[in-house]
Amino acid sequence: MHTKRRQTAVRLWQLNDTAATAIRSLKTIHPQGKYSPVLHDGPSSTGRMRALPGNIIVYLDPQWDEAAVRNWLSSHKLEIVKKLEIGPNIYVIKTGPGLEALDTANALYRSGEVKAAFPDWWQEVAIR
């Protein structure tokens, strides 16, 4: 049986308003949407664009067993989206979109409890 996958899209708007005000307005009009400010890899608007659609990638202690991982997740009220098979104890963790994902990744990294944590960025790519 063939299952049809739902196609997702990224829309970019240039706004003259602050990002926070614009996102609040968009959430009022379309509460089901996920919104993120668009960031650039450099100080100018010509740098590659990035956005935060939600979720973070966390590298936990590779020595932890499954019970230790579950306990850590529970203590932080976090939920696994999926386990990445690129190494031991590397997970995609559920967060909201936008700066919430960046703030959560930064807080976890600064806590010293994880080896690494960063947003699951959407990144602009160029087709060759």
N, C-alpha and C. Protein backbone atom coordinates (compact mmCIF):
# COMPACT_ATOMS: atom_id res chain seq x y z
N MET A 1 0.84 -1.17 0.00
CA MET A 1 0.00 0.00 0.00
C MET A 1 0.88 1.24 0.00
N HIS A 2 0.60 2.16 -0.88
CA HIS A 2 1.37 3.39 -0.99
C HIS A 2 0.73 4.46 -0.10
N THR A 3 1.55 5.08 0.75
CA THR A 3 1.08 6.14 1.63
C THR A 3 1.54 7.48 1.08
N LYS A 4 0.63 8.39 0.93
CA LYS A 4 0.96 9.71 0.42
C LYS A 4 1.49 10.59 1.56
N ARG A 5 2.67 11.16 1.37
CA ARG A 5 3.27 12.04 2.39
C ARG A 5 2.80 13.47 2.16
N ARG A 6 2.52 14.13 3.25
CA ARG A 6 2.11 15.53 3.19
C ARG A 6 3.33 16.40 2.88
N GLN A 7 3.20 17.23 1.90
CA GLN A 7 4.28 18.12 1.50
C GLN A 7 4.31 19.34 2.41
N THR A 8 5.48 19.71 2.90
CA THR A 8 5.61 20.90 3.72
C THR A 8 6.26 21.99 2.89
N ALA A 9 6.04 23.21 3.31
CA ALA A 9 6.58 24.33 2.56
C ALA A 9 7.14 25.37 3.51
N VAL A 10 8.06 26.14 3.00
CA VAL A 10 8.61 27.26 3.73
C VAL A 10 8.25 28.51 2.95
N ARG A 11 7.66 29.47 3.64
CA ARG A 11 7.35 30.75 3.01
C ARG A 11 8.16 31.82 3.71
N LEU A 12 8.70 32.74 2.95
CA LEU A 12 9.49 33.84 3.49
C LEU A 12 8.79 35.15 3.22
N TRP A 13 8.67 35.98 4.25
CA TRP A 13 8.10 37.32 4.10
C TRP A 13 9.10 38.32 4.63
N GLN A 14 9.30 39.40 3.90
CA GLN A 14 10.12 40.48 4.43
C GLN A 14 9.15 41.46 5.09
N LEU A 15 9.39 41.73 6.35
CA LEU A 15 8.48 42.57 7.12
C LEU A 15 9.20 43.79 7.64
N ASN A 16 8.47 44.88 7.72
CA ASN A 16 9.05 46.11 8.26
C ASN A 16 8.85 46.20 9.77
N ASP A 17 8.15 45.25 10.33
CA ASP A 17 7.86 45.20 11.75
C ASP A 17 8.92 44.38 12.47
N THR A 18 8.98 44.45 13.78
CA THR A 18 9.91 43.59 14.50
C THR A 18 9.45 42.15 14.38
N ALA A 19 10.37 41.23 14.47
CA ALA A 19 10.04 39.81 14.31
C ALA A 19 9.01 39.38 15.35
N ALA A 20 9.17 39.81 16.59
CA ALA A 20 8.25 39.38 17.65
C ALA A 20 6.83 39.85 17.39
N THR A 21 6.68 41.10 16.97
CA THR A 21 5.35 41.63 16.67
C THR A 21 4.74 40.93 15.47
N ALA A 22 5.56 40.71 14.45
CA ALA A 22 5.07 40.03 13.25
C ALA A 22 4.62 38.61 13.56
N ILE A 23 5.39 37.89 14.35
CA ILE A 23 5.04 36.51 14.68
C ILE A 23 3.75 36.48 15.50
N ARG A 24 3.59 37.40 16.45
CA ARG A 24 2.34 37.47 17.22
C ARG A 24 1.15 37.70 16.30
N SER A 25 1.29 38.59 15.33
CA SER A 25 0.21 38.87 14.38
C SER A 25 -0.13 37.64 13.54
N LEU A 26 0.90 36.96 13.04
CA LEU A 26 0.68 35.77 12.24
C LEU A 26 0.00 34.67 13.04
N LYS A 27 0.39 34.50 14.30
CA LYS A 27 -0.22 33.47 15.14
C LYS A 27 -1.69 33.78 15.41
N THR A 28 -2.04 35.05 15.44
CA THR A 28 -3.45 35.43 15.64
C THR A 28 -4.26 35.07 14.41
N ILE A 29 -3.71 35.33 13.24
CA ILE A 29 -4.41 35.07 11.98
C ILE A 29 -4.43 33.58 11.65
N HIS A 30 -3.29 32.90 11.82
CA HIS A 30 -3.14 31.48 11.48
C HIS A 30 -2.50 30.75 12.66
N PRO A 31 -3.29 30.43 13.70
CA PRO A 31 -2.71 29.83 14.90
C PRO A 31 -2.09 28.46 14.69
N GLN A 32 -2.45 27.75 13.64
CA GLN A 32 -1.90 26.42 13.40
C GLN A 32 -0.53 26.47 12.74
N GLY A 33 -0.09 27.61 12.28
CA GLY A 33 1.19 27.74 11.60
C GLY A 33 2.37 27.71 12.55
N LYS A 34 3.55 27.44 12.00
CA LYS A 34 4.80 27.49 12.75
C LYS A 34 5.62 28.63 12.18
N TYR A 35 6.12 29.50 13.04
CA TYR A 35 6.78 30.71 12.58
C TYR A 35 8.15 30.86 13.20
N SER A 36 9.08 31.39 12.41
CA SER A 36 10.44 31.62 12.86
C SER A 36 10.97 32.86 12.16
N PRO A 37 11.76 33.66 12.88
CA PRO A 37 12.47 34.72 12.15
C PRO A 37 13.49 34.07 11.22
N VAL A 38 13.81 34.74 10.14
CA VAL A 38 14.85 34.26 9.23
C VAL A 38 16.16 34.90 9.67
N LEU A 39 17.15 34.06 9.85
CA LEU A 39 18.47 34.52 10.26
C LEU A 39 19.43 34.31 9.11
N HIS A 40 20.57 34.98 9.16
CA HIS A 40 21.58 34.85 8.11
C HIS A 40 22.89 34.37 8.71
N ASP A 41 23.68 33.64 7.89
CA ASP A 41 24.95 33.11 8.35
C ASP A 41 26.00 34.18 8.60
N GLY A 42 25.80 35.37 8.12
CA GLY A 42 26.75 36.44 8.32
C GLY A 42 26.05 37.71 8.73
N PRO A 43 26.81 38.79 8.89
CA PRO A 43 26.22 40.04 9.36
C PRO A 43 25.36 40.77 8.33
N SER A 44 25.43 40.36 7.05
CA SER A 44 24.62 41.04 6.04
C SER A 44 23.49 40.14 5.57
N SER A 45 22.54 40.73 4.89
CA SER A 45 21.40 39.96 4.40
C SER A 45 21.75 39.10 3.18
N THR A 46 22.99 39.16 2.74
CA THR A 46 23.40 38.33 1.60
C THR A 46 23.87 36.94 2.03
N GLY A 47 24.04 36.73 3.33
CA GLY A 47 24.46 35.42 3.84
C GLY A 47 23.35 34.40 3.66
N ARG A 48 23.72 33.13 3.68
CA ARG A 48 22.75 32.06 3.54
C ARG A 48 21.69 32.18 4.64
N MET A 49 20.43 31.96 4.27
CA MET A 49 19.33 32.09 5.22
C MET A 49 19.14 30.82 6.02
N ARG A 50 18.68 31.00 7.26
CA ARG A 50 18.33 29.90 8.16
C ARG A 50 17.04 30.27 8.88
N ALA A 51 16.30 29.25 9.27
CA ALA A 51 15.11 29.45 10.09
C ALA A 51 15.01 28.31 11.08
N LEU A 52 14.16 28.49 12.06
CA LEU A 52 14.02 27.53 13.16
C LEU A 52 12.61 26.94 13.13
N PRO A 53 12.41 25.84 12.38
CA PRO A 53 11.07 25.27 12.27
C PRO A 53 10.63 24.50 13.52
N GLY A 54 11.56 24.28 14.45
CA GLY A 54 11.27 23.54 15.68
C GLY A 54 12.16 22.32 15.78
N ASN A 55 12.35 21.85 16.99
CA ASN A 55 13.15 20.69 17.34
C ASN A 55 14.63 21.04 17.44
N ILE A 56 15.31 20.25 18.27
CA ILE A 56 16.75 20.41 18.46
C ILE A 56 17.41 19.04 18.35
N ILE A 57 18.71 19.04 18.08
CA ILE A 57 19.49 17.81 18.04
C ILE A 57 20.40 17.83 19.27
N VAL A 58 20.33 16.75 20.04
CA VAL A 58 21.06 16.69 21.30
C VAL A 58 21.95 15.46 21.30
N TYR A 59 23.21 15.67 21.67
CA TYR A 59 24.18 14.59 21.85
C TYR A 59 24.31 14.37 23.35
N LEU A 60 23.80 13.23 23.82
CA LEU A 60 23.90 12.89 25.23
C LEU A 60 25.16 12.06 25.47
N ASP A 61 25.47 11.86 26.72
CA ASP A 61 26.64 11.06 27.08
C ASP A 61 26.55 9.70 26.41
N PRO A 62 27.54 9.31 25.63
CA PRO A 62 27.47 8.03 24.92
C PRO A 62 27.50 6.82 25.86
N GLN A 63 27.90 7.02 27.10
CA GLN A 63 27.95 5.92 28.07
C GLN A 63 26.59 5.65 28.72
N TRP A 64 25.63 6.56 28.57
CA TRP A 64 24.33 6.39 29.20
C TRP A 64 23.59 5.22 28.59
N ASP A 65 22.93 4.44 29.43
CA ASP A 65 22.05 3.39 28.92
C ASP A 65 20.66 3.98 28.68
N GLU A 66 19.76 3.15 28.18
CA GLU A 66 18.42 3.62 27.83
C GLU A 66 17.68 4.21 29.04
N ALA A 67 17.86 3.61 30.21
CA ALA A 67 17.20 4.10 31.42
C ALA A 67 17.72 5.50 31.79
N ALA A 68 19.01 5.72 31.67
CA ALA A 68 19.58 7.04 31.98
C ALA A 68 19.05 8.09 31.02
N VAL A 69 18.93 7.74 29.75
CA VAL A 69 18.38 8.66 28.75
C VAL A 69 16.94 9.01 29.10
N ARG A 70 16.13 7.99 29.39
CA ARG A 70 14.72 8.22 29.76
C ARG A 70 14.60 9.10 31.00
N ASN A 71 15.45 8.84 32.00
CA ASN A 71 15.41 9.64 33.22
C ASN A 71 15.77 11.10 32.95
N TRP A 72 16.80 11.31 32.13
CA TRP A 72 17.20 12.67 31.80
C TRP A 72 16.08 13.39 31.05
N LEU A 73 15.49 12.72 30.06
CA LEU A 73 14.39 13.32 29.30
C LEU A 73 13.23 13.67 30.22
N SER A 74 12.88 12.77 31.10
CA SER A 74 11.77 12.98 32.03
C SER A 74 12.05 14.15 32.96
N SER A 75 13.27 14.25 33.47
CA SER A 75 13.61 15.34 34.39
C SER A 75 13.54 16.71 33.73
N HIS A 76 13.69 16.74 32.40
CA HIS A 76 13.63 18.01 31.66
C HIS A 76 12.31 18.18 30.90
N LYS A 77 11.41 17.21 31.07
CA LYS A 77 10.11 17.23 30.38
C LYS A 77 10.29 17.38 28.86
N LEU A 78 11.18 16.56 28.32
CA LEU A 78 11.47 16.57 26.89
C LEU A 78 10.99 15.28 26.24
N GLU A 79 10.72 15.37 24.94
CA GLU A 79 10.19 14.24 24.18
C GLU A 79 11.05 13.98 22.95
N ILE A 80 11.36 12.71 22.72
CA ILE A 80 12.15 12.32 21.54
C ILE A 80 11.27 12.31 20.30
N VAL A 81 11.75 12.94 19.24
CA VAL A 81 11.10 12.85 17.93
C VAL A 81 11.65 11.62 17.21
N LYS A 82 12.98 11.47 17.24
CA LYS A 82 13.60 10.28 16.68
C LYS A 82 15.03 10.17 17.17
N LYS A 83 15.54 8.96 17.11
CA LYS A 83 16.94 8.69 17.45
C LYS A 83 17.72 8.71 16.14
N LEU A 84 18.83 9.43 16.14
CA LEU A 84 19.68 9.47 14.95
C LEU A 84 20.72 8.36 15.06
N GLU A 85 20.97 7.70 13.98
CA GLU A 85 21.90 6.56 13.97
C GLU A 85 23.30 6.97 13.52
N ILE A 86 23.69 8.19 13.83
CA ILE A 86 25.02 8.67 13.44
C ILE A 86 26.02 8.53 14.58
N GLY A 87 25.55 8.01 15.71
CA GLY A 87 26.39 7.81 16.88
C GLY A 87 25.52 7.44 18.06
N PRO A 88 26.15 7.09 19.18
CA PRO A 88 25.36 6.69 20.35
C PRO A 88 24.70 7.89 21.03
N ASN A 89 23.44 7.71 21.41
CA ASN A 89 22.68 8.70 22.19
C ASN A 89 22.60 10.08 21.53
N ILE A 90 22.27 10.08 20.25
CA ILE A 90 22.03 11.34 19.53
C ILE A 90 20.56 11.34 19.13
N TYR A 91 19.85 12.39 19.55
CA TYR A 91 18.40 12.42 19.38
C TYR A 91 17.92 13.75 18.83
N VAL A 92 16.81 13.69 18.10
CA VAL A 92 16.05 14.89 17.76
C VAL A 92 14.99 15.01 18.85
N ILE A 93 14.99 16.15 19.53
CA ILE A 93 14.09 16.41 20.66
C ILE A 93 13.06 17.46 20.24
N LYS A 94 11.83 17.25 20.62
CA LYS A 94 10.74 18.13 20.24
C LYS A 94 10.81 19.48 20.97
N THR A 95 10.72 20.56 20.19
CA THR A 95 10.56 21.91 20.74
C THR A 95 9.61 22.66 19.82
N GLY A 96 9.20 23.81 20.26
CA GLY A 96 8.40 24.68 19.42
C GLY A 96 9.29 25.34 18.38
N PRO A 97 8.66 25.98 17.38
CA PRO A 97 9.43 26.67 16.34
C PRO A 97 9.97 28.00 16.84
N GLY A 98 10.80 28.61 16.02
CA GLY A 98 11.31 29.94 16.32
C GLY A 98 12.40 29.92 17.36
N LEU A 99 12.54 31.04 18.03
CA LEU A 99 13.64 31.21 18.98
C LEU A 99 13.56 30.26 20.17
N GLU A 100 12.39 29.67 20.42
CA GLU A 100 12.27 28.67 21.49
C GLU A 100 13.26 27.53 21.26
N ALA A 101 13.41 27.08 20.03
CA ALA A 101 14.34 25.99 19.72
C ALA A 101 15.78 26.42 20.01
N LEU A 102 16.15 27.60 19.59
CA LEU A 102 17.51 28.10 19.83
C LEU A 102 17.77 28.28 21.32
N ASP A 103 16.82 28.87 22.03
CA ASP A 103 16.97 29.08 23.47
C ASP A 103 17.09 27.76 24.22
N THR A 104 16.30 26.77 23.84
CA THR A 104 16.34 25.46 24.50
C THR A 104 17.70 24.79 24.26
N ALA A 105 18.16 24.81 23.02
CA ALA A 105 19.47 24.21 22.70
C ALA A 105 20.58 24.90 23.49
N ASN A 106 20.56 26.22 23.53
CA ASN A 106 21.60 26.96 24.26
C ASN A 106 21.56 26.65 25.76
N ALA A 107 20.36 26.59 26.34
CA ALA A 107 20.23 26.32 27.77
C ALA A 107 20.75 24.92 28.10
N LEU A 108 20.41 23.94 27.27
CA LEU A 108 20.88 22.58 27.53
C LEU A 108 22.40 22.49 27.42
N TYR A 109 22.96 23.14 26.42
CA TYR A 109 24.42 23.11 26.27
C TYR A 109 25.11 23.79 27.45
N ARG A 110 24.60 24.96 27.84
CA ARG A 110 25.20 25.69 28.96
C ARG A 110 25.07 24.92 30.28
N SER A 111 24.07 24.04 30.38
CA SER A 111 23.88 23.27 31.62
C SER A 111 25.03 22.30 31.87
N GLY A 112 25.76 21.93 30.81
CA GLY A 112 26.85 20.98 30.94
C GLY A 112 26.38 19.53 30.99
N GLU A 113 25.07 19.30 30.87
CA GLU A 113 24.52 17.95 30.94
C GLU A 113 24.56 17.21 29.61
N VAL A 114 24.84 17.93 28.52
CA VAL A 114 24.86 17.32 27.19
C VAL A 114 26.22 17.59 26.54
N LYS A 115 26.58 16.72 25.61
CA LYS A 115 27.83 16.92 24.87
C LYS A 115 27.69 18.03 23.84
N ALA A 116 26.50 18.11 23.21
CA ALA A 116 26.22 19.14 22.22
C ALA A 116 24.71 19.28 22.10
N ALA A 117 24.27 20.46 21.72
CA ALA A 117 22.84 20.71 21.47
C ALA A 117 22.75 21.88 20.50
N PHE A 118 21.96 21.70 19.46
CA PHE A 118 21.76 22.78 18.49
C PHE A 118 20.42 22.61 17.81
N PRO A 119 19.88 23.71 17.27
CA PRO A 119 18.58 23.61 16.59
C PRO A 119 18.66 22.73 15.36
N ASP A 120 17.55 22.14 15.03
CA ASP A 120 17.41 21.39 13.78
C ASP A 120 17.04 22.43 12.71
N TRP A 121 18.05 23.16 12.27
CA TRP A 121 17.87 24.31 11.37
C TRP A 121 17.25 23.92 10.04
N TRP A 122 16.44 24.81 9.49
CA TRP A 122 16.12 24.81 8.07
C TRP A 122 17.18 25.70 7.47
N GLN A 123 17.84 25.25 6.39
CA GLN A 123 18.88 26.04 5.76
C GLN A 123 18.61 26.19 4.28
N GLU A 124 18.87 27.36 3.79
CA GLU A 124 18.74 27.62 2.36
C GLU A 124 19.80 26.83 1.62
N VAL A 125 19.40 26.20 0.53
CA VAL A 125 20.35 25.47 -0.30
C VAL A 125 20.26 26.00 -1.72
N ALA A 126 21.33 25.85 -2.44
CA ALA A 126 21.36 26.26 -3.84
C ALA A 126 21.39 25.00 -4.70
N ILE A 127 20.55 24.96 -5.71
CA ILE A 127 20.54 23.83 -6.64
C ILE A 127 21.64 24.05 -7.65
N ARG A 128 22.42 23.00 -7.88
CA ARG A 128 23.53 23.13 -8.85
C ARG A 128 23.05 22.94 -10.25
